[in-house]
Amino acid sequence: MTHPLTRTIGKLLKAEPRELPALAASFAFVFVLMAAYYVLRPVRDAMASDWSDAELSWLWTLNFFLSAGAVLLYGAVVSRSAPRRLVPGVYLFFAASFVLFYFGTRVLGDTRLLDQAFYVWVSFFALFHVSVFWSFMAERFSREQSRRLFAPIGAGASIGAVLGPTVPLLFGERLGVYNLLLLAALLLCLILPLIVYLERESAAAAAHDNGARGGYSGAIGGRFIDGFVDLLGQRFLLAIALFILLYTLMSTFVYFELKNLLAEFDRATRARYWAGMDLAVNTLAILTALFATGRIATRLGLAVTLALIPALLVAGWLTVALAPGVMLLVGLQILRRAGNYAITKPGREMLFTAVGRETRFKTKPVIDIVVYRGGDVLASWVYTALAQGIGLGLGAIAAVAATLATLWMLVGIFLGRRFDRKTALPEAATEGAIP
């Protein structure tokens, strides 16, 4: 007989009692993963103040090319490795890399080049570790389960993002900046038993035919470049790439406008604004992901889930165009980031439960990393051209952003409808990429 507390938790999270162990392990997985990243992030960002704008721009450019090359290399590894070995191997590899960086700081007298290499490496890790995690989740859970469970799993990322930075904030001076690298490596190693547990749970669930994925033990096969070829050959995947590209445009437009409007305040006031936004974003994201997103996805469908935040941003940008101001942009930033963490990103990850294994592990990193970083570069130059080249003010840029947000919303509707049509069919009959 199921314990009453278990039934209550399951009802709140829209999870069946038998799914709770895997849900808890997945939650802990992404919580520890994001905590490890946010231990490293302040170390990385603190280094940027030592370099000129030109040096930092070159590092971002280098990061884009590193991302493209690393994804190609990852594609080659995926072709020859089974996911049950690949996923823990990825995190063990990153843990070892941070240990090597730590020892490098002990050996080298001048760490300037090492610091720059570390900055680029952590920037790559920032996207890659999340992409691999969600590929693994799409492999473990079915399409039906993803509607209910991906949002509460994603809440673990938000909580990890809240608690991770408290370590360098409270103990950074006592531990030493570079010692935080060892802490992050240790946290990544703690993920390994969680992966093993989830593999066993998935295999047991598949054996009992409860709808979860499982039983995939062989190498994925194919060529190292298949991820790029797959992306260019499928309209559904190109639409996902466009969805992410438009998201990066929204992110850059809001960030740059806020940066410029806050320039009139002193640094302490600006810091309070950014800290307040972070607190509001993470709190709102956690509550929404735990108690609202799963219900939106299951009751209204994925088309509404993916289009909801873009639609709200259309209204938000039009409001800013009519009445430009700091507080409106602050609200828009909170809405965009919290909505992405709690609703848009879990919804986007659900799309990959309706494609084949090769797409999940090869094409997904191309979209999540190469397209995303390429979008960063494109978005920064588009904004610079509009603001400095043409000389548009906040109102005009907000109108352009509203137009882009409308396109973003339409792409979300297209993706959601394709997914919802697939979900209406038996999963065994539709496993594979959507044309």
Protein backbone atom coordinates (compact mmCIF):
# COMPACT_ATOMS: atom_id res chain seq x y z
CA MET A 1 0.00 0.00 0.00
CA THR A 2 1.33 3.44 -0.95
CA HIS A 3 2.19 5.75 1.94
CA PRO A 4 -0.12 8.82 2.16
CA LEU A 5 2.86 11.19 1.99
CA THR A 6 4.05 9.48 -1.19
CA ARG A 7 0.59 9.84 -2.73
CA THR A 8 0.48 13.52 -1.77
CA ILE A 9 3.90 14.26 -3.26
CA GLY A 10 3.00 12.36 -6.40
CA LYS A 11 -0.23 14.29 -6.78
CA LEU A 12 1.50 17.66 -6.34
CA LEU A 13 4.16 16.79 -8.90
CA LYS A 14 1.83 14.83 -11.23
CA ALA A 15 4.03 11.77 -10.77
CA GLU A 16 2.94 8.21 -10.17
CA PRO A 17 4.28 6.62 -6.96
CA ARG A 18 6.45 4.14 -8.91
CA GLU A 19 8.07 7.06 -10.78
CA LEU A 20 9.13 8.97 -7.67
CA PRO A 21 12.49 7.18 -7.11
CA ALA A 22 13.68 7.93 -10.65
CA LEU A 23 12.25 11.45 -10.40
CA ALA A 24 14.13 12.06 -7.14
CA ALA A 25 17.39 10.70 -8.59
CA SER A 26 17.02 12.84 -11.73
CA PHE A 27 16.27 15.89 -9.56
CA ALA A 28 19.38 15.22 -7.47
CA PHE A 29 21.42 14.66 -10.64
CA VAL A 30 20.68 18.07 -12.15
CA PHE A 31 20.81 19.77 -8.73
CA VAL A 32 24.38 18.57 -8.10
CA LEU A 33 25.33 19.27 -11.72
CA MET A 34 24.16 22.89 -11.60
CA ALA A 35 25.63 23.41 -8.14
CA ALA A 36 29.02 22.31 -9.52
CA TYR A 37 28.73 24.75 -12.43
CA TYR A 38 27.67 27.64 -10.21
CA VAL A 39 30.63 26.98 -7.92
CA LEU A 40 32.84 27.51 -10.98
CA ARG A 41 30.95 30.38 -12.57
CA PRO A 42 32.02 33.11 -10.11
CA VAL A 43 35.63 31.93 -10.48
CA ARG A 44 35.33 32.28 -14.25
CA ASP A 45 33.54 35.63 -14.23
CA ALA A 46 35.98 37.14 -11.72
CA MET A 47 38.79 36.54 -14.22
CA ALA A 48 37.12 38.63 -16.95
CA SER A 49 37.90 41.91 -15.17
CA ASP A 50 41.62 41.28 -15.72
CA TRP A 51 41.26 41.47 -19.53
CA SER A 52 40.42 44.15 -22.05
CA ASP A 53 37.19 44.15 -24.06
CA ALA A 54 39.13 43.05 -27.14
CA GLU A 55 40.70 40.13 -25.28
CA LEU A 56 37.32 39.04 -23.94
CA SER A 57 35.76 39.27 -27.41
CA TRP A 58 38.48 37.03 -28.80
CA LEU A 59 37.86 34.52 -26.01
CA TRP A 60 34.16 34.40 -26.90
CA THR A 61 35.04 33.89 -30.55
CA LEU A 62 37.43 31.12 -29.57
CA ASN A 63 34.68 29.57 -27.45
CA PHE A 64 32.40 29.33 -30.49
CA PHE A 65 35.02 27.48 -32.56
CA LEU A 66 35.96 25.27 -29.60
CA SER A 67 32.28 24.39 -29.20
CA ALA A 68 31.94 23.41 -32.86
CA GLY A 69 35.11 21.30 -32.78
CA ALA A 70 34.26 19.66 -29.46
CA VAL A 71 30.77 18.73 -30.67
CA LEU A 72 32.32 17.07 -33.73
CA LEU A 73 34.69 15.12 -31.47
CA TYR A 74 31.79 14.22 -29.20
CA GLY A 75 29.92 12.92 -32.25
CA ALA A 76 32.81 10.57 -32.98
CA VAL A 77 32.79 9.29 -29.39
CA VAL A 78 29.00 8.85 -29.45
CA SER A 79 29.29 6.71 -32.58
CA ARG A 80 31.45 4.21 -30.73
CA SER A 81 30.11 4.31 -27.17
CA ALA A 82 26.94 3.13 -25.47
CA PRO A 83 25.09 5.86 -23.50
CA ARG A 84 25.51 3.93 -20.24
CA ARG A 85 29.28 4.44 -20.60
CA LEU A 86 29.21 7.72 -22.48
CA VAL A 87 27.27 9.85 -19.99
CA PRO A 88 29.30 9.03 -16.84
CA GLY A 89 32.46 9.25 -18.97
CA VAL A 90 31.60 12.84 -19.96
CA TYR A 91 31.24 14.02 -16.37
CA LEU A 92 34.30 12.10 -15.22
CA PHE A 93 36.26 13.74 -18.04
CA PHE A 94 35.18 17.23 -16.97
CA ALA A 95 35.97 16.44 -13.33
CA ALA A 96 39.47 15.35 -14.34
CA SER A 97 39.92 18.51 -16.43
CA PHE A 98 39.16 20.76 -13.45
CA VAL A 99 41.64 18.81 -11.33
CA LEU A 100 44.27 19.38 -14.05
CA PHE A 101 43.50 23.09 -14.10
CA TYR A 102 43.96 23.17 -10.32
CA PHE A 103 47.39 21.53 -10.51
CA GLY A 104 48.29 23.87 -13.37
CA THR A 105 47.79 26.83 -11.05
CA ARG A 106 50.19 25.23 -8.57
CA VAL A 107 52.90 24.57 -11.16
CA LEU A 108 52.82 27.71 -13.30
CA GLY A 109 54.11 31.00 -11.97
CA ASP A 110 52.21 33.12 -14.49
CA THR A 111 48.65 31.81 -14.83
CA ARG A 112 47.35 34.40 -17.31
CA LEU A 113 47.10 32.01 -20.27
CA LEU A 114 45.84 29.22 -18.03
CA ASP A 115 43.13 31.52 -16.68
CA GLN A 116 42.03 32.39 -20.22
CA ALA A 117 41.94 28.71 -21.14
CA PHE A 118 39.88 28.02 -18.02
CA TYR A 119 37.46 30.84 -18.91
CA VAL A 120 36.83 29.36 -22.36
CA TRP A 121 36.60 25.81 -21.01
CA VAL A 122 34.01 26.65 -18.34
CA SER A 123 32.00 28.62 -20.91
CA PHE A 124 31.89 25.48 -23.05
CA PHE A 125 31.06 23.32 -20.02
CA ALA A 126 28.18 25.69 -19.18
CA LEU A 127 26.14 24.45 -22.15
CA PHE A 128 27.60 21.01 -22.77
CA HIS A 129 26.94 19.52 -19.34
CA VAL A 130 23.25 20.52 -19.51
CA SER A 131 22.84 19.22 -23.06
CA VAL A 132 24.21 15.79 -22.12
CA PHE A 133 21.99 15.69 -19.04
CA TRP A 134 18.80 16.31 -21.03
CA SER A 135 19.87 13.83 -23.70
CA PHE A 136 20.12 11.28 -20.91
CA MET A 137 16.70 12.26 -19.55
CA ALA A 138 15.11 11.92 -23.01
CA GLU A 139 16.63 8.43 -23.16
CA ARG A 140 15.29 7.47 -19.73
CA PHE A 141 11.72 8.81 -19.92
CA SER A 142 8.93 8.41 -22.45
CA ARG A 143 7.15 11.26 -24.22
CA GLU A 144 4.13 10.94 -21.93
CA GLN A 145 6.34 10.98 -18.83
CA SER A 146 8.29 13.99 -20.09
CA ARG A 147 5.14 16.14 -20.05
CA ARG A 148 4.67 15.49 -16.35
CA LEU A 149 8.19 15.00 -15.01
CA PHE A 150 10.60 17.25 -16.90
CA ALA A 151 9.40 20.42 -15.14
CA PRO A 152 9.96 19.14 -11.56
CA ILE A 153 13.28 17.68 -12.68
CA GLY A 154 14.20 21.07 -14.13
CA ALA A 155 13.38 22.70 -10.78
CA GLY A 156 16.44 20.89 -9.42
CA ALA A 157 18.56 22.98 -11.80
CA SER A 158 17.11 26.22 -10.41
CA ILE A 159 17.69 25.13 -6.81
CA GLY A 160 21.25 24.10 -7.64
CA ALA A 161 21.75 27.49 -9.30
CA VAL A 162 20.61 29.17 -6.06
CA LEU A 163 22.70 27.12 -3.62
CA GLY A 164 25.84 26.67 -5.76
CA PRO A 165 27.00 30.31 -5.64
CA THR A 166 26.64 30.42 -1.85
CA VAL A 167 29.79 28.31 -1.56
CA PRO A 168 32.17 30.86 -3.18
CA LEU A 169 30.15 33.70 -1.60
CA LEU A 170 30.44 32.42 1.98
CA PHE A 171 33.61 30.32 1.87
CA GLY A 172 35.56 31.61 -1.13
CA GLU A 173 38.19 33.47 0.89
CA ARG A 174 38.62 30.64 3.38
CA LEU A 175 38.87 27.90 0.76
CA GLY A 176 40.84 29.84 -1.83
CA VAL A 177 39.62 30.56 -5.36
CA TYR A 178 41.44 27.72 -7.10
CA ASN A 179 40.43 25.16 -4.48
CA LEU A 180 36.86 25.64 -5.70
CA LEU A 181 37.92 23.72 -8.82
CA LEU A 182 38.52 20.64 -6.68
CA LEU A 183 35.12 21.06 -5.04
CA ALA A 184 33.41 21.23 -8.44
CA ALA A 185 35.29 18.10 -9.55
CA LEU A 186 34.13 16.27 -6.42
CA LEU A 187 30.51 17.27 -7.05
CA LEU A 188 30.71 15.94 -10.61
CA CYS A 189 31.98 12.62 -9.26
CA LEU A 190 28.96 12.43 -6.92
CA ILE A 191 26.77 12.29 -10.04
CA LEU A 192 28.20 8.94 -11.14
CA PRO A 193 26.27 6.68 -8.71
CA LEU A 194 23.08 8.57 -9.61
CA ILE A 195 23.63 7.69 -13.27
CA VAL A 196 24.16 4.03 -12.41
CA TYR A 197 20.98 4.03 -10.31
CA LEU A 198 18.93 5.64 -13.09
CA GLU A 199 20.22 3.09 -15.60
CA ARG A 200 19.10 0.26 -13.33
CA GLU A 201 15.71 1.89 -12.70
CA SER A 202 15.20 2.39 -16.42
CA ALA A 203 16.07 -1.23 -17.19
CA ALA A 204 13.72 -2.48 -14.45
CA ALA A 205 10.93 -0.20 -15.71
CA ALA A 206 11.38 -1.45 -19.27
CA ALA A 207 11.26 -5.06 -18.06
CA HIS A 208 7.89 -4.37 -16.42
CA ASP A 209 6.63 -2.57 -19.57
CA ASN A 210 5.61 0.63 -17.79
CA GLY A 211 6.30 2.93 -20.71
CA ALA A 212 9.76 4.13 -19.73
CA ARG A 213 12.68 3.81 -22.06
CA GLY A 214 15.40 1.30 -21.43
CA GLY A 215 17.29 -1.63 -22.73
CA TYR A 216 19.60 0.34 -25.03
CA SER A 217 23.05 -1.07 -24.37
CA GLY A 218 24.86 -0.85 -27.70
CA ALA A 219 26.85 1.92 -29.33
CA ILE A 220 24.83 4.46 -31.29
CA GLY A 221 26.94 4.12 -34.44
CA GLY A 222 27.12 6.41 -37.46
CA ARG A 223 29.63 9.10 -38.38
CA PHE A 224 31.08 11.92 -36.30
CA ILE A 225 29.48 14.58 -38.53
CA ASP A 226 25.99 13.05 -38.51
CA GLY A 227 24.71 15.60 -35.97
CA PHE A 228 25.33 18.49 -38.37
CA VAL A 229 23.97 16.55 -41.37
CA ASP A 230 20.89 15.49 -39.40
CA LEU A 231 20.19 19.09 -38.37
CA LEU A 232 20.37 20.43 -41.93
CA GLY A 233 18.24 17.62 -43.33
CA GLN A 234 15.17 17.84 -41.08
CA ARG A 235 12.67 20.67 -40.89
CA PHE A 236 11.67 19.76 -37.33
CA LEU A 237 15.26 20.02 -36.08
CA LEU A 238 15.85 23.24 -38.02
CA ALA A 239 12.77 24.66 -36.32
CA ILE A 240 14.22 23.77 -32.90
CA ALA A 241 17.47 25.50 -33.91
CA LEU A 242 15.51 28.59 -35.01
CA PHE A 243 13.59 28.51 -31.72
CA ILE A 244 16.86 28.62 -29.76
CA LEU A 245 18.32 31.27 -32.07
CA LEU A 246 15.34 33.56 -31.44
CA TYR A 247 15.65 32.90 -27.71
CA THR A 248 19.26 34.10 -27.76
CA LEU A 249 18.16 37.26 -29.60
CA MET A 250 15.62 37.95 -26.84
CA SER A 251 18.23 37.33 -24.15
CA THR A 252 20.76 39.69 -25.71
CA PHE A 253 18.26 42.48 -26.41
CA VAL A 254 16.97 42.50 -22.82
CA TYR A 255 20.47 42.22 -21.33
CA PHE A 256 21.98 45.01 -23.43
CA GLU A 257 19.08 47.38 -22.85
CA LEU A 258 19.20 46.77 -19.09
CA LYS A 259 22.95 47.26 -19.06
CA ASN A 260 22.61 50.60 -20.83
CA LEU A 261 19.71 51.87 -18.71
CA LEU A 262 21.47 50.91 -15.47
CA ALA A 263 24.66 52.73 -16.50
CA GLU A 264 23.41 55.93 -14.84
CA PHE A 265 23.44 54.25 -11.41
CA ASP A 266 26.51 53.56 -9.28
CA ARG A 267 27.95 50.03 -9.16
CA ALA A 268 26.42 49.19 -5.78
CA THR A 269 22.92 50.10 -7.01
CA ARG A 270 23.41 48.11 -10.20
CA ALA A 271 24.54 45.11 -8.17
CA ARG A 272 21.36 45.32 -6.06
CA TYR A 273 19.23 45.39 -9.20
CA TRP A 274 20.94 42.30 -10.65
CA ALA A 275 20.88 40.44 -7.31
CA GLY A 276 17.19 41.22 -6.85
CA MET A 277 16.43 39.96 -10.35
CA ASP A 278 18.34 36.72 -9.73
CA LEU A 279 16.44 36.11 -6.50
CA ALA A 280 13.07 36.79 -8.13
CA VAL A 281 13.91 34.67 -11.18
CA ASN A 282 15.02 31.61 -9.26
CA THR A 283 12.17 31.75 -6.74
CA LEU A 284 9.54 32.14 -9.46
CA ALA A 285 11.17 29.45 -11.62
CA ILE A 286 11.26 26.89 -8.81
CA LEU A 287 7.61 27.38 -7.83
CA THR A 288 6.41 27.40 -11.44
CA ALA A 289 8.40 24.32 -12.44
CA LEU A 290 7.26 22.30 -9.43
CA PHE A 291 3.57 23.08 -9.52
CA ALA A 292 2.51 24.64 -12.85
CA THR A 293 4.55 23.56 -15.88
CA GLY A 294 3.56 19.90 -15.87
CA ARG A 295 -0.11 20.86 -15.69
CA ILE A 296 0.26 23.33 -18.56
CA ALA A 297 1.97 20.72 -20.75
CA THR A 298 -0.49 17.92 -20.02
CA ARG A 299 -3.71 19.94 -20.14
CA LEU A 300 -2.96 22.55 -22.82
CA GLY A 301 -0.39 20.72 -24.93
CA LEU A 302 3.18 21.48 -25.88
CA ALA A 303 2.23 24.11 -28.47
CA VAL A 304 0.85 26.33 -25.71
CA THR A 305 3.78 25.47 -23.43
CA LEU A 306 6.37 26.57 -25.99
CA ALA A 307 4.42 29.63 -27.17
CA LEU A 308 3.44 30.97 -23.74
CA ILE A 309 6.60 32.87 -22.78
CA PRO A 310 7.19 34.24 -26.32
CA ALA A 311 3.58 35.51 -26.34
CA LEU A 312 4.08 37.22 -22.98
CA LEU A 313 7.28 38.78 -24.31
CA VAL A 314 5.42 40.15 -27.33
CA ALA A 315 3.10 41.99 -24.93
CA GLY A 316 6.03 42.99 -22.72
CA TRP A 317 8.10 44.44 -25.57
CA LEU A 318 5.12 46.38 -26.93
CA THR A 319 4.59 47.85 -23.46
CA VAL A 320 8.26 48.86 -23.31
CA ALA A 321 7.97 50.41 -26.79
CA LEU A 322 5.10 52.58 -25.57
CA ALA A 323 6.54 53.42 -22.16
CA PRO A 324 10.32 52.78 -21.96
CA GLY A 325 11.66 52.46 -18.43
CA VAL A 326 13.99 50.54 -16.15
CA MET A 327 11.33 48.80 -14.08
CA LEU A 328 9.49 47.52 -17.14
CA LEU A 329 12.72 46.05 -18.47
CA VAL A 330 13.47 44.54 -15.06
CA GLY A 331 10.06 42.87 -15.12
CA LEU A 332 10.65 41.68 -18.67
CA GLN A 333 14.01 40.19 -17.66
CA ILE A 334 12.48 38.35 -14.71
CA LEU A 335 9.62 37.06 -16.87
CA ARG A 336 11.95 35.91 -19.66
CA ARG A 337 14.49 34.11 -17.47
CA ALA A 338 12.04 32.53 -15.01
CA GLY A 339 9.76 31.51 -17.87
CA ASN A 340 12.65 29.95 -19.73
CA TYR A 341 13.92 27.97 -16.75
CA ALA A 342 10.49 26.79 -15.61
CA ILE A 343 8.43 26.46 -18.80
CA THR A 344 10.23 26.98 -22.11
CA LYS A 345 13.33 24.88 -21.46
CA PRO A 346 11.52 21.82 -20.02
CA GLY A 347 9.10 22.09 -22.95
CA ARG A 348 11.97 22.29 -25.42
CA GLU A 349 13.61 19.23 -23.89
CA MET A 350 10.35 17.28 -24.28
CA LEU A 351 10.76 17.61 -28.06
CA PHE A 352 13.78 15.32 -27.95
CA THR A 353 11.76 12.43 -26.53
CA ALA A 354 10.13 12.17 -29.98
CA VAL A 355 13.35 11.70 -31.96
CA GLY A 356 15.81 8.84 -32.36
CA ARG A 357 18.76 8.04 -30.11
CA GLU A 358 21.31 9.29 -32.63
CA THR A 359 19.53 12.65 -32.81
CA ARG A 360 19.40 12.90 -29.01
CA PHE A 361 23.11 12.33 -28.55
CA LYS A 362 24.54 13.78 -31.78
CA THR A 363 22.24 16.48 -33.15
CA LYS A 364 21.04 17.84 -29.82
CA PRO A 365 24.52 19.06 -28.77
CA VAL A 366 24.87 20.79 -32.15
CA ILE A 367 21.65 22.69 -31.47
CA ASP A 368 22.24 23.30 -27.76
CA ILE A 369 25.87 24.41 -28.09
CA VAL A 370 26.92 25.39 -31.61
CA VAL A 371 23.64 27.07 -32.57
CA TYR A 372 23.35 28.72 -29.14
CA ARG A 373 26.87 30.13 -29.19
CA GLY A 374 26.46 31.19 -32.81
CA GLY A 375 23.27 32.93 -31.73
CA ASP A 376 25.21 34.82 -29.05
CA VAL A 377 27.56 36.18 -31.70
CA LEU A 378 24.75 37.03 -34.13
CA ALA A 379 22.58 38.64 -31.46
CA SER A 380 25.33 40.91 -30.17
CA TRP A 381 26.10 42.18 -33.67
CA VAL A 382 22.42 42.64 -34.58
CA TYR A 383 21.86 44.71 -31.44
CA THR A 384 25.02 46.74 -32.05
CA ALA A 385 23.93 47.42 -35.64
CA LEU A 386 20.47 48.57 -34.52
CA ALA A 387 21.60 50.67 -31.56
CA GLN A 388 24.92 52.11 -32.76
CA GLY A 389 24.84 51.61 -36.52
CA ILE A 390 21.29 52.79 -37.27
CA GLY A 391 20.86 54.68 -34.01
CA LEU A 392 17.54 53.20 -32.88
CA GLY A 393 16.33 54.09 -29.40
CA LEU A 394 14.77 51.82 -26.81
CA GLY A 395 11.24 52.21 -28.17
CA ALA A 396 12.20 51.28 -31.73
CA ILE A 397 14.38 48.36 -30.59
CA ALA A 398 11.51 47.13 -28.42
CA ALA A 399 9.25 47.14 -31.50
CA VAL A 400 11.84 45.06 -33.40
CA ALA A 401 12.10 42.71 -30.43
CA ALA A 402 8.30 42.33 -30.33
CA THR A 403 8.38 41.28 -33.99
CA LEU A 404 11.09 38.71 -33.30
CA ALA A 405 9.16 37.45 -30.26
CA THR A 406 6.11 36.96 -32.50
CA LEU A 407 8.19 34.82 -34.85
CA TRP A 408 9.53 32.93 -31.82
CA MET A 409 5.95 32.26 -30.70
CA LEU A 410 4.94 30.96 -34.13
CA VAL A 411 7.93 28.60 -34.24
CA GLY A 412 6.96 27.32 -30.80
CA ILE A 413 3.41 26.62 -31.98
CA PHE A 414 4.77 24.75 -35.02
CA LEU A 415 7.07 22.60 -32.87
CA GLY A 416 4.42 21.92 -30.25
CA ARG A 417 1.82 20.84 -32.79
CA ARG A 418 4.28 18.47 -34.47
CA PHE A 419 5.10 16.96 -31.09
CA ASP A 420 1.47 16.72 -29.99
CA ARG A 421 0.58 14.87 -33.20
CA LYS A 422 3.38 12.40 -32.55
CA THR A 423 2.25 11.91 -28.95
CA ALA A 424 -1.22 10.93 -30.17
CA LEU A 425 0.36 7.87 -31.83
CA PRO A 426 1.89 4.83 -30.05
CA GLU A 427 5.47 5.66 -29.09
CA ALA A 428 6.86 2.38 -30.37
CA ALA A 429 5.49 3.21 -33.81
CA THR A 430 6.95 6.72 -33.93
CA GLU A 431 10.38 6.33 -32.39
CA GLY A 432 12.78 8.27 -34.56
CA ALA A 433 13.22 11.72 -35.95
CA ILE A 434 10.22 13.77 -36.95
CA PRO A 435 10.52 14.80 -40.62
